[in-house]
Amino acid sequence: MNNLKAVRYKNWKLVFPHSSRAYSGSLPGKAGYPGPAPDVKVKKALYNLSHDPGEQYDVQENYPEIVKQIEGFAEEARVDLGDDLTNRKGANRRPAGKVN
């Protein structure tokens, strides 16, 4: 999939809403197979990775200017490469290569 789920800028990481697999709270797998991992809805959040490398504290309300700046970077990427999460095609998106 061509999903833009997050953008990192310096010590910041802005996560966009998307679905993901949840590994916490699930039993691990065995014999090389993963354990059950249900899909969860991930909310938009901003993390300061210098102070919160575990991405536990959403600080987007404290730093709206950083959110706006990173959203600008994300929009540039969507215009160029597209984004399936927002149904954007992208000007420079091309089909995946094929091996003959």
PDB file of N, CA and C in Angstrom:
ATOM      1  N   MET A   1       0.835  -1.181   0.000  1.00  0.00           N
ATOM      2  CA  MET A   1       0.000   0.000   0.000  1.00  0.00           C
ATOM      3  C   MET A   1       0.882   1.248   0.000  1.00  0.00           C
ATOM      4  N   ASN A   2       0.333   2.296  -0.475  1.00  0.00           N
ATOM      5  CA  ASN A   2       1.021   3.574  -0.520  1.00  0.00           C
ATOM      6  C   ASN A   2       0.396   4.479   0.553  1.00  0.00           C
ATOM      7  N   ASN A   3       0.612   4.117   1.814  1.00  0.00           N
ATOM      8  CA  ASN A   3      -0.004   4.833   2.930  1.00  0.00           C
ATOM      9  C   ASN A   3       1.023   5.695   3.651  1.00  0.00           C
ATOM     10  N   LEU A   4       0.753   6.999   3.714  1.00  0.00           N
ATOM     11  CA  LEU A   4       1.601   7.903   4.478  1.00  0.00           C
ATOM     12  C   LEU A   4       1.067   7.903   5.914  1.00  0.00           C
ATOM     13  N   LYS A   5       1.714   7.117   6.773  1.00  0.00           N
ATOM     14  CA  LYS A   5       1.232   6.942   8.145  1.00  0.00           C
ATOM     15  C   LYS A   5       1.879   7.907   9.122  1.00  0.00           C
ATOM     16  N   ALA A   6       3.087   8.380   8.824  1.00  0.00           N
ATOM     17  CA  ALA A   6       3.793   9.279   9.737  1.00  0.00           C
ATOM     18  C   ALA A   6       4.896  10.005   8.993  1.00  0.00           C
ATOM     19  N   VAL A   7       5.292  11.159   9.552  1.00  0.00           N
ATOM     20  CA  VAL A   7       6.413  11.928   9.018  1.00  0.00           C
ATOM     21  C   VAL A   7       7.290  12.330  10.192  1.00  0.00           C
ATOM     22  N   ARG A   8       8.603  12.095  10.040  1.00  0.00           N
ATOM     23  CA  ARG A   8       9.564  12.550  11.046  1.00  0.00           C
ATOM     24  C   ARG A   8      10.247  13.809  10.550  1.00  0.00           C
ATOM     25  N   TYR A   9      10.438  14.751  11.469  1.00  0.00           N
ATOM     26  CA  TYR A   9      11.152  15.992  11.184  1.00  0.00           C
ATOM     27  C   TYR A   9      11.948  16.344  12.434  1.00  0.00           C
ATOM     28  N   LYS A  10      13.263  16.330  12.312  1.00  0.00           N
ATOM     29  CA  LYS A  10      14.161  16.547  13.450  1.00  0.00           C
ATOM     30  C   LYS A  10      13.786  15.575  14.565  1.00  0.00           C
ATOM     31  N   ASN A  11      13.459  16.077  15.751  1.00  0.00           N
ATOM     32  CA  ASN A  11      13.120  15.187  16.861  1.00  0.00           C
ATOM     33  C   ASN A  11      11.614  14.926  16.957  1.00  0.00           C
ATOM     34  N   TRP A  12      10.866  15.355  15.962  1.00  0.00           N
ATOM     35  CA  TRP A  12       9.409  15.219  15.990  1.00  0.00           C
ATOM     36  C   TRP A  12       8.930  14.087  15.085  1.00  0.00           C
ATOM     37  N   LYS A  13       7.815  13.490  15.463  1.00  0.00           N
ATOM     38  CA  LYS A  13       7.140  12.509  14.615  1.00  0.00           C
ATOM     39  C   LYS A  13       5.647  12.788  14.681  1.00  0.00           C
ATOM     40  N   LEU A  14       5.057  13.075  13.515  1.00  0.00           N
ATOM     41  CA  LEU A  14       3.620  13.290  13.418  1.00  0.00           C
ATOM     42  C   LEU A  14       3.009  12.043  12.800  1.00  0.00           C
ATOM     43  N   VAL A  15       2.128  11.409  13.541  1.00  0.00           N
ATOM     44  CA  VAL A  15       1.448  10.194  13.091  1.00  0.00           C
ATOM     45  C   VAL A  15       0.070  10.591  12.594  1.00  0.00           C
ATOM     46  N   PHE A  16      -0.294  10.101  11.413  1.00  0.00           N
ATOM     47  CA  PHE A  16      -1.606  10.387  10.829  1.00  0.00           C
ATOM     48  C   PHE A  16      -2.575   9.247  11.138  1.00  0.00           C
ATOM     49  N   PRO A  17      -3.870   9.512  11.160  1.00  0.00           N
ATOM     50  CA  PRO A  17      -4.841   8.449  11.452  1.00  0.00           C
ATOM     51  C   PRO A  17      -4.738   7.310  10.439  1.00  0.00           C
ATOM     52  N   HIS A  18      -4.723   6.083  10.957  1.00  0.00           N
ATOM     53  CA  HIS A  18      -4.658   4.892  10.109  1.00  0.00           C
ATOM     54  C   HIS A  18      -4.963   3.660  10.953  1.00  0.00           C
ATOM     55  N   SER A  19      -5.091   2.530  10.300  1.00  0.00           N
ATOM     56  CA  SER A  19      -5.248   1.256  10.995  1.00  0.00           C
ATOM     57  C   SER A  19      -3.886   0.586  11.072  1.00  0.00           C
ATOM     58  N   SER A  20      -3.662  -0.126  12.175  1.00  0.00           N
ATOM     59  CA  SER A  20      -2.390  -0.814  12.350  1.00  0.00           C
ATOM     60  C   SER A  20      -2.621  -2.056  13.198  1.00  0.00           C
ATOM     61  N   ARG A  21      -1.619  -2.898  13.243  1.00  0.00           N
ATOM     62  CA  ARG A  21      -1.716  -4.095  14.083  1.00  0.00           C
ATOM     63  C   ARG A  21      -1.238  -3.761  15.490  1.00  0.00           C
ATOM     64  N   ALA A  22      -1.928  -4.278  16.485  1.00  0.00           N
ATOM     65  CA  ALA A  22      -1.566  -4.053  17.879  1.00  0.00           C
ATOM     66  C   ALA A  22      -0.811  -5.267  18.389  1.00  0.00           C
ATOM     67  N   TYR A  23       0.396  -5.042  18.850  1.00  0.00           N
ATOM     68  CA  TYR A  23       1.189  -6.150  19.360  1.00  0.00           C
ATOM     69  C   TYR A  23       1.209  -6.187  20.883  1.00  0.00           C
ATOM     70  N   SER A  24       0.936  -5.066  21.529  1.00  0.00           N
ATOM     71  CA  SER A  24       0.906  -5.080  22.986  1.00  0.00           C
ATOM     72  C   SER A  24      -0.405  -5.706  23.456  1.00  0.00           C
ATOM     73  N   GLY A  25      -0.315  -6.460  24.517  1.00  0.00           N
ATOM     74  CA  GLY A  25      -1.502  -7.109  25.053  1.00  0.00           C
ATOM     75  C   GLY A  25      -1.865  -8.402  24.355  1.00  0.00           C
ATOM     76  N   SER A  26      -1.085  -8.815  23.361  1.00  0.00           N
ATOM     77  CA  SER A  26      -1.343 -10.055  22.642  1.00  0.00           C
ATOM     78  C   SER A  26      -0.280 -11.082  23.015  1.00  0.00           C
ATOM     79  N   LEU A  27      -0.628 -12.328  22.934  1.00  0.00           N
ATOM     80  CA  LEU A  27       0.340 -13.384  23.195  1.00  0.00           C
ATOM     81  C   LEU A  27       1.310 -13.509  22.030  1.00  0.00           C
ATOM     82  N   PRO A  28       2.583 -13.791  22.311  1.00  0.00           N
ATOM     83  CA  PRO A  28       3.531 -13.983  21.214  1.00  0.00           C
ATOM     84  C   PRO A  28       3.247 -15.287  20.482  1.00  0.00           C
ATOM     85  N   GLY A  29       3.758 -15.388  19.294  1.00  0.00           N
ATOM     86  CA  GLY A  29       3.584 -16.604  18.512  1.00  0.00           C
ATOM     87  C   GLY A  29       4.615 -17.651  18.895  1.00  0.00           C
ATOM     88  N   LYS A  30       4.645 -18.738  18.129  1.00  0.00           N
ATOM     89  CA  LYS A  30       5.653 -19.766  18.369  1.00  0.00           C
ATOM     90  C   LYS A  30       5.960 -20.474  17.066  1.00  0.00           C
ATOM     91  N   ALA A  31       7.057 -21.187  17.038  1.00  0.00           N
ATOM     92  CA  ALA A  31       7.505 -21.941  15.874  1.00  0.00           C
ATOM     93  C   ALA A  31       7.640 -21.055  14.632  1.00  0.00           C
ATOM     94  N   GLY A  32       8.055 -19.806  14.854  1.00  0.00           N
ATOM     95  CA  GLY A  32       8.274 -18.910  13.729  1.00  0.00           C
ATOM     96  C   GLY A  32       7.039 -18.198  13.216  1.00  0.00           C
ATOM     97  N   TYR A  33       5.884 -18.439  13.827  1.00  0.00           N
ATOM     98  CA  TYR A  33       4.643 -17.789  13.399  1.00  0.00           C
ATOM     99  C   TYR A  33       4.250 -16.717  14.409  1.00  0.00           C
ATOM    100  N   PRO A  34       3.738 -15.591  13.936  1.00  0.00           N
ATOM    101  CA  PRO A  34       3.356 -14.528  14.869  1.00  0.00           C
ATOM    102  C   PRO A  34       2.102 -14.901  15.646  1.00  0.00           C
ATOM    103  N   GLY A  35       1.966 -14.305  16.799  1.00  0.00           N
ATOM    104  CA  GLY A  35       0.754 -14.478  17.584  1.00  0.00           C
ATOM    105  C   GLY A  35      -0.357 -13.606  17.022  1.00  0.00           C
ATOM    106  N   PRO A  36      -1.541 -13.708  17.589  1.00  0.00           N
ATOM    107  CA  PRO A  36      -2.651 -12.887  17.108  1.00  0.00           C
ATOM    108  C   PRO A  36      -2.380 -11.404  17.372  1.00  0.00           C
ATOM    109  N   ALA A  37      -2.688 -10.587  16.411  1.00  0.00           N
ATOM    110  CA  ALA A  37      -2.475  -9.146  16.538  1.00  0.00           C
ATOM    111  C   ALA A  37      -3.654  -8.435  15.878  1.00  0.00           C
ATOM    112  N   PRO A  38      -4.621  -8.012  16.657  1.00  0.00           N
ATOM    113  CA  PRO A  38      -5.803  -7.366  16.066  1.00  0.00           C
ATOM    114  C   PRO A  38      -5.477  -5.991  15.492  1.00  0.00           C
ATOM    115  N   ASP A  39      -6.277  -5.575  14.523  1.00  0.00           N
ATOM    116  CA  ASP A  39      -6.143  -4.228  13.978  1.00  0.00           C
ATOM    117  C   ASP A  39      -6.742  -3.231  14.955  1.00  0.00           C
ATOM    118  N   VAL A  40      -6.085  -2.085  15.076  1.00  0.00           N
ATOM    119  CA  VAL A  40      -6.567  -1.001  15.929  1.00  0.00           C
ATOM    120  C   VAL A  40      -6.543   0.289  15.120  1.00  0.00           C
ATOM    121  N   LYS A  41      -7.335   1.248  15.538  1.00  0.00           N
ATOM    122  CA  LYS A  41      -7.341   2.574  14.918  1.00  0.00           C
ATOM    123  C   LYS A  41      -6.298   3.439  15.620  1.00  0.00           C
ATOM    124  N   VAL A  42      -5.381   3.990  14.848  1.00  0.00           N
ATOM    125  CA  VAL A  42      -4.352   4.877  15.365  1.00  0.00           C
ATOM    126  C   VAL A  42      -4.818   6.304  15.134  1.00  0.00           C
ATOM    127  N   LYS A  43      -4.777   7.122  16.168  1.00  0.00           N
ATOM    128  CA  LYS A  43      -5.211   8.520  16.060  1.00  0.00           C
ATOM    129  C   LYS A  43      -4.030   9.412  15.682  1.00  0.00           C
ATOM    130  N   LYS A  44      -4.353  10.588  15.174  1.00  0.00           N
ATOM    131  CA  LYS A  44      -3.322  11.580  14.868  1.00  0.00           C
ATOM    132  C   LYS A  44      -2.638  11.973  16.173  1.00  0.00           C
ATOM    133  N   ALA A  45      -1.305  12.037  16.138  1.00  0.00           N
ATOM    134  CA  ALA A  45      -0.549  12.383  17.338  1.00  0.00           C
ATOM    135  C   ALA A  45       0.815  12.938  16.956  1.00  0.00           C
ATOM    136  N   LEU A  46       1.337  13.806  17.807  1.00  0.00           N
ATOM    137  CA  LEU A  46       2.679  14.361  17.648  1.00  0.00           C
ATOM    138  C   LEU A  46       3.523  13.905  18.828  1.00  0.00           C
ATOM    139  N   TYR A  47       4.709  13.386  18.521  1.00  0.00           N
ATOM    140  CA  TYR A  47       5.612  12.921  19.569  1.00  0.00           C
ATOM    141  C   TYR A  47       6.941  13.645  19.462  1.00  0.00           C
ATOM    142  N   ASN A  48       7.515  13.996  20.608  1.00  0.00           N
ATOM    143  CA  ASN A  48       8.863  14.540  20.680  1.00  0.00           C
ATOM    144  C   ASN A  48       9.769  13.364  21.024  1.00  0.00           C
ATOM    145  N   LEU A  49      10.438  12.814  20.027  1.00  0.00           N
ATOM    146  CA  LEU A  49      11.210  11.596  20.205  1.00  0.00           C
ATOM    147  C   LEU A  49      12.437  11.784  21.090  1.00  0.00           C
ATOM    148  N   SER A  50      12.897  13.018  21.269  1.00  0.00           N
ATOM    149  CA  SER A  50      14.024  13.262  22.178  1.00  0.00           C
ATOM    150  C   SER A  50      13.632  12.996  23.626  1.00  0.00           C
ATOM    151  N   HIS A  51      12.401  13.323  23.974  1.00  0.00           N
ATOM    152  CA  HIS A  51      11.924  13.176  25.346  1.00  0.00           C
ATOM    153  C   HIS A  51      11.011  11.969  25.523  1.00  0.00           C
ATOM    154  N   ASP A  52      10.501  11.427  24.419  1.00  0.00           N
ATOM    155  CA  ASP A  52       9.514  10.354  24.480  1.00  0.00           C
ATOM    156  C   ASP A  52       9.747   9.345  23.360  1.00  0.00           C
ATOM    157  N   PRO A  53      10.862   8.606  23.404  1.00  0.00           N
ATOM    158  CA  PRO A  53      11.154   7.674  22.313  1.00  0.00           C
ATOM    159  C   PRO A  53      10.150   6.528  22.211  1.00  0.00           C
ATOM    160  N   GLY A  54       9.401   6.263  23.269  1.00  0.00           N
ATOM    161  CA  GLY A  54       8.389   5.213  23.244  1.00  0.00           C
ATOM    162  C   GLY A  54       7.055   5.672  22.690  1.00  0.00           C
ATOM    163  N   GLU A  55       6.970   6.925  22.282  1.00  0.00           N
ATOM    164  CA  GLU A  55       5.756   7.503  21.683  1.00  0.00           C
ATOM    165  C   GLU A  55       4.528   7.271  22.565  1.00  0.00           C
ATOM    166  N   GLN A  56       4.634   7.726  23.811  1.00  0.00           N
ATOM    167  CA  GLN A  56       3.546   7.564  24.768  1.00  0.00           C
ATOM    168  C   GLN A  56       2.718   8.829  24.968  1.00  0.00           C
ATOM    169  N   TYR A  57       3.311  10.013  24.709  1.00  0.00           N
ATOM    170  CA  TYR A  57       2.664  11.279  25.052  1.00  0.00           C
ATOM    171  C   TYR A  57       2.429  12.136  23.818  1.00  0.00           C
ATOM    172  N   ASP A  58       1.164  12.307  23.459  1.00  0.00           N
ATOM    173  CA  ASP A  58       0.773  13.140  22.318  1.00  0.00           C
ATOM    174  C   ASP A  58       0.845  14.605  22.751  1.00  0.00           C
ATOM    175  N   VAL A  59       1.704  15.381  22.093  1.00  0.00           N
ATOM    176  CA  VAL A  59       1.906  16.783  22.478  1.00  0.00           C
ATOM    177  C   VAL A  59       1.448  17.756  21.389  1.00  0.00           C
ATOM    178  N   GLN A  60       0.564  17.315  20.498  1.00  0.00           N
ATOM    179  CA  GLN A  60       0.173  18.181  19.381  1.00  0.00           C
ATOM    180  C   GLN A  60      -0.528  19.461  19.842  1.00  0.00           C
ATOM    181  N   GLU A  61      -1.235  19.425  20.945  1.00  0.00           N
ATOM    182  CA  GLU A  61      -1.905  20.641  21.432  1.00  0.00           C
ATOM    183  C   GLU A  61      -0.901  21.677  21.925  1.00  0.00           C
ATOM    184  N   ASN A  62       0.266  21.223  22.373  1.00  0.00           N
ATOM    185  CA  ASN A  62       1.295  22.141  22.864  1.00  0.00           C
ATOM    186  C   ASN A  62       2.143  22.746  21.745  1.00  0.00           C
ATOM    187  N   TYR A  63       2.153  22.103  20.572  1.00  0.00           N
ATOM    188  CA  TYR A  63       3.018  22.530  19.472  1.00  0.00           C
ATOM    189  C   TYR A  63       2.253  22.592  18.145  1.00  0.00           C
ATOM    190  N   PRO A  64       1.222  23.427  18.059  1.00  0.00           N
ATOM    191  CA  PRO A  64       0.452  23.480  16.805  1.00  0.00           C
ATOM    192  C   PRO A  64       1.279  23.957  15.615  1.00  0.00           C
ATOM    193  N   GLU A  65       2.306  24.764  15.856  1.00  0.00           N
ATOM    194  CA  GLU A  65       3.145  25.246  14.756  1.00  0.00           C
ATOM    195  C   GLU A  65       3.973  24.107  14.163  1.00  0.00           C
ATOM    196  N   ILE A  66       4.409  23.175  14.983  1.00  0.00           N
ATOM    197  CA  ILE A  66       5.159  22.015  14.490  1.00  0.00           C
ATOM    198  C   ILE A  66       4.237  21.102  13.688  1.00  0.00           C
ATOM    199  N   VAL A  67       3.016  20.903  14.199  1.00  0.00           N
ATOM    200  CA  VAL A  67       2.032  20.079  13.478  1.00  0.00           C
ATOM    201  C   VAL A  67       1.776  20.674  12.103  1.00  0.00           C
ATOM    202  N   LYS A  68       1.580  21.977  12.042  1.00  0.00           N
ATOM    203  CA  LYS A  68       1.310  22.636  10.762  1.00  0.00           C
ATOM    204  C   LYS A  68       2.493  22.499   9.804  1.00  0.00           C
ATOM    205  N   GLN A  69       3.696  22.652  10.318  1.00  0.00           N
ATOM    206  CA  GLN A  69       4.883  22.540   9.474  1.00  0.00           C
ATOM    207  C   GLN A  69       5.020  21.125   8.918  1.00  0.00           C
ATOM    208  N   ILE A  70       4.848  20.119   9.759  1.00  0.00           N
ATOM    209  CA  ILE A  70       4.985  18.739   9.302  1.00  0.00           C
ATOM    210  C   ILE A  70       3.844  18.361   8.367  1.00  0.00           C
ATOM    211  N   GLU A  71       2.645  18.869   8.620  1.00  0.00           N
ATOM    212  CA  GLU A  71       1.534  18.621   7.698  1.00  0.00           C
ATOM    213  C   GLU A  71       1.848  19.189   6.316  1.00  0.00           C
ATOM    214  N   GLY A  72       2.572  20.310   6.267  1.00  0.00           N
ATOM    215  CA  GLY A  72       3.005  20.874   4.986  1.00  0.00           C
ATOM    216  C   GLY A  72       3.946  19.927   4.251  1.00  0.00           C
ATOM    217  N   PHE A  73       4.885  19.318   4.989  1.00  0.00           N
ATOM    218  CA  PHE A  73       5.788  18.332   4.377  1.00  0.00           C
ATOM    219  C   PHE A  73       4.998  17.137   3.852  1.00  0.00           C
ATOM    220  N   ALA A  74       4.013  16.706   4.633  1.00  0.00           N
ATOM    221  CA  ALA A  74       3.189  15.560   4.222  1.00  0.00           C
ATOM    222  C   ALA A  74       2.406  15.898   2.962  1.00  0.00           C
ATOM    223  N   GLU A  75       1.882  17.105   2.880  1.00  0.00           N
ATOM    224  CA  GLU A  75       1.114  17.498   1.700  1.00  0.00           C
ATOM    225  C   GLU A  75       2.006  17.508   0.456  1.00  0.00           C
ATOM    226  N   GLU A  76       3.246  17.986   0.600  1.00  0.00           N
ATOM    227  CA  GLU A  76       4.183  17.956  -0.529  1.00  0.00           C
ATOM    228  C   GLU A  76       4.410  16.518  -1.004  1.00  0.00           C
ATOM    229  N   ALA A  77       4.566  15.618  -0.060  1.00  0.00           N
ATOM    230  CA  ALA A  77       4.781  14.210  -0.413  1.00  0.00           C
ATOM    231  C   ALA A  77       3.549  13.621  -1.086  1.00  0.00           C
ATOM    232  N   ARG A  78       2.367  13.964  -0.599  1.00  0.00           N
ATOM    233  CA  ARG A  78       1.131  13.445  -1.197  1.00  0.00           C
ATOM    234  C   ARG A  78       0.948  13.947  -2.620  1.00  0.00           C
ATOM    235  N   VAL A  79       1.258  15.216  -2.857  1.00  0.00           N
ATOM    236  CA  VAL A  79       1.147  15.772  -4.210  1.00  0.00           C
ATOM    237  C   VAL A  79       2.104  15.040  -5.147  1.00  0.00           C
ATOM    238  N   ASP A  80       3.289  14.751  -4.653  1.00  0.00           N
ATOM    239  CA  ASP A  80       4.313  14.102  -5.476  1.00  0.00           C
ATOM    240  C   ASP A  80       4.075  12.602  -5.632  1.00  0.00           C
ATOM    241  N   LEU A  81       3.863  11.893  -4.515  1.00  0.00           N
ATOM    242  CA  LEU A  81       3.842  10.432  -4.531  1.00  0.00           C
ATOM    243  C   LEU A  81       2.469   9.812  -4.295  1.00  0.00           C
ATOM    244  N   GLY A  82       1.503  10.629  -3.884  1.00  0.00           N
ATOM    245  CA  GLY A  82       0.180  10.109  -3.590  1.00  0.00           C
ATOM    246  C   GLY A  82       0.092   9.558  -2.181  1.00  0.00           C
ATOM    247  N   ASP A  83      -1.103   9.123  -1.812  1.00  0.00           N
ATOM    248  CA  ASP A  83      -1.342   8.567  -0.480  1.00  0.00           C
ATOM    249  C   ASP A  83      -2.681   7.851  -0.511  1.00  0.00           C
ATOM    250  N   ASP A  84      -2.659   6.544  -0.351  1.00  0.00           N
ATOM    251  CA  ASP A  84      -3.912   5.783  -0.379  1.00  0.00           C
ATOM    252  C   ASP A  84      -4.823   6.112   0.799  1.00  0.00           C
ATOM    253  N   LEU A  85      -4.259   6.536   1.929  1.00  0.00           N
ATOM    254  CA  LEU A  85      -5.096   6.863   3.090  1.00  0.00           C
ATOM    255  C   LEU A  85      -5.993   8.069   2.836  1.00  0.00           C
ATOM    256  N   THR A  86      -5.537   8.972   1.964  1.00  0.00           N
ATOM    257  CA  THR A  86      -6.329  10.163   1.652  1.00  0.00           C
ATOM    258  C   THR A  86      -6.818  10.147   0.201  1.00  0.00           C
ATOM    259  N   ASN A  87      -6.728   8.979  -0.438  1.00  0.00           N
ATOM    260  CA  ASN A  87      -7.197   8.802  -1.825  1.00  0.00           C
ATOM    261  C   ASN A  87      -6.547   9.783  -2.797  1.00  0.00           C
ATOM    262  N   ARG A  88      -5.237   9.982  -2.644  1.00  0.00           N
ATOM    263  CA  ARG A  88      -4.497  10.869  -3.536  1.00  0.00           C
ATOM    264  C   ARG A  88      -3.669  10.034  -4.491  1.00  0.00           C
ATOM    265  N   LYS A  89      -3.660  10.379  -5.759  1.00  0.00           N
ATOM    266  CA  LYS A  89      -2.924   9.620  -6.774  1.00  0.00           C
ATOM    267  C   LYS A  89      -1.449   9.994  -6.810  1.00  0.00           C
ATOM    268  N   GLY A  90      -1.121  11.261  -6.789  1.00  0.00           N
ATOM    269  CA  GLY A  90       0.272  11.691  -6.845  1.00  0.00           C
ATOM    270  C   GLY A  90       0.740  11.894  -8.268  1.00  0.00           C
ATOM    271  N   ALA A  91       1.385  13.022  -8.521  1.00  0.00           N
ATOM    272  CA  ALA A  91       1.830  13.372  -9.871  1.00  0.00           C
ATOM    273  C   ALA A  91       2.939  12.448 -10.381  1.00  0.00           C
ATOM    274  N   ASN A  92       3.766  11.940  -9.508  1.00  0.00           N
ATOM    275  CA  ASN A  92       4.914  11.143  -9.940  1.00  0.00           C
ATOM    276  C   ASN A  92       4.838   9.685  -9.497  1.00  0.00           C
ATOM    277  N   ARG A  93       3.668   9.234  -9.148  1.00  0.00           N
ATOM    278  CA  ARG A  93       3.498   7.827  -8.778  1.00  0.00           C
ATOM    279  C   ARG A  93       3.472   6.984 -10.047  1.00  0.00           C
ATOM    280  N   ARG A  94       4.189   5.889 -10.016  1.00  0.00           N
ATOM    281  CA  ARG A  94       4.245   5.006 -11.178  1.00  0.00           C
ATOM    282  C   ARG A  94       3.974   3.575 -10.722  1.00  0.00           C
ATOM    283  N   PRO A  95       3.604   2.717 -11.638  1.00  0.00           N
ATOM    284  CA  PRO A  95       3.379   1.320 -11.261  1.00  0.00           C
ATOM    285  C   PRO A  95       4.666   0.665 -10.764  1.00  0.00           C
ATOM    286  N   ALA A  96       4.509  -0.346  -9.933  1.00  0.00           N
ATOM    287  CA  ALA A  96       5.677  -1.083  -9.449  1.00  0.00           C
ATOM    288  C   ALA A  96       6.363  -1.779 -10.613  1.00  0.00           C
ATOM    289  N   GLY A  97       7.672  -1.938 -10.516  1.00  0.00           N
ATOM    290  CA  GLY A  97       8.434  -2.612 -11.553  1.00  0.00           C
ATOM    291  C   GLY A  97       8.060  -4.087 -11.657  1.00  0.00           C
ATOM    292  N   LYS A  98       8.317  -4.640 -12.813  1.00  0.00           N
ATOM    293  CA  LYS A  98       8.018  -6.058 -13.071  1.00  0.00           C
ATOM    294  C   LYS A  98       9.292  -6.757 -13.492  1.00  0.00           C
ATOM    295  N   VAL A  99       9.417  -7.999 -13.084  1.00  0.00           N
ATOM    296  CA  VAL A  99      10.537  -8.828 -13.493  1.00  0.00           C
ATOM    297  C   VAL A  99      10.033  -9.780 -14.562  1.00  0.00           C
ATOM    298  N   ASN A 100      10.694  -9.780 -15.692  1.00  0.00           N
ATOM    299  CA  ASN A 100      10.305 -10.667 -16.783  1.00  0.00           C
ATOM    300  C   ASN A 100      11.117 -11.930 -16.782  1.00  0.00           C
TER     301      ASN A 100
END
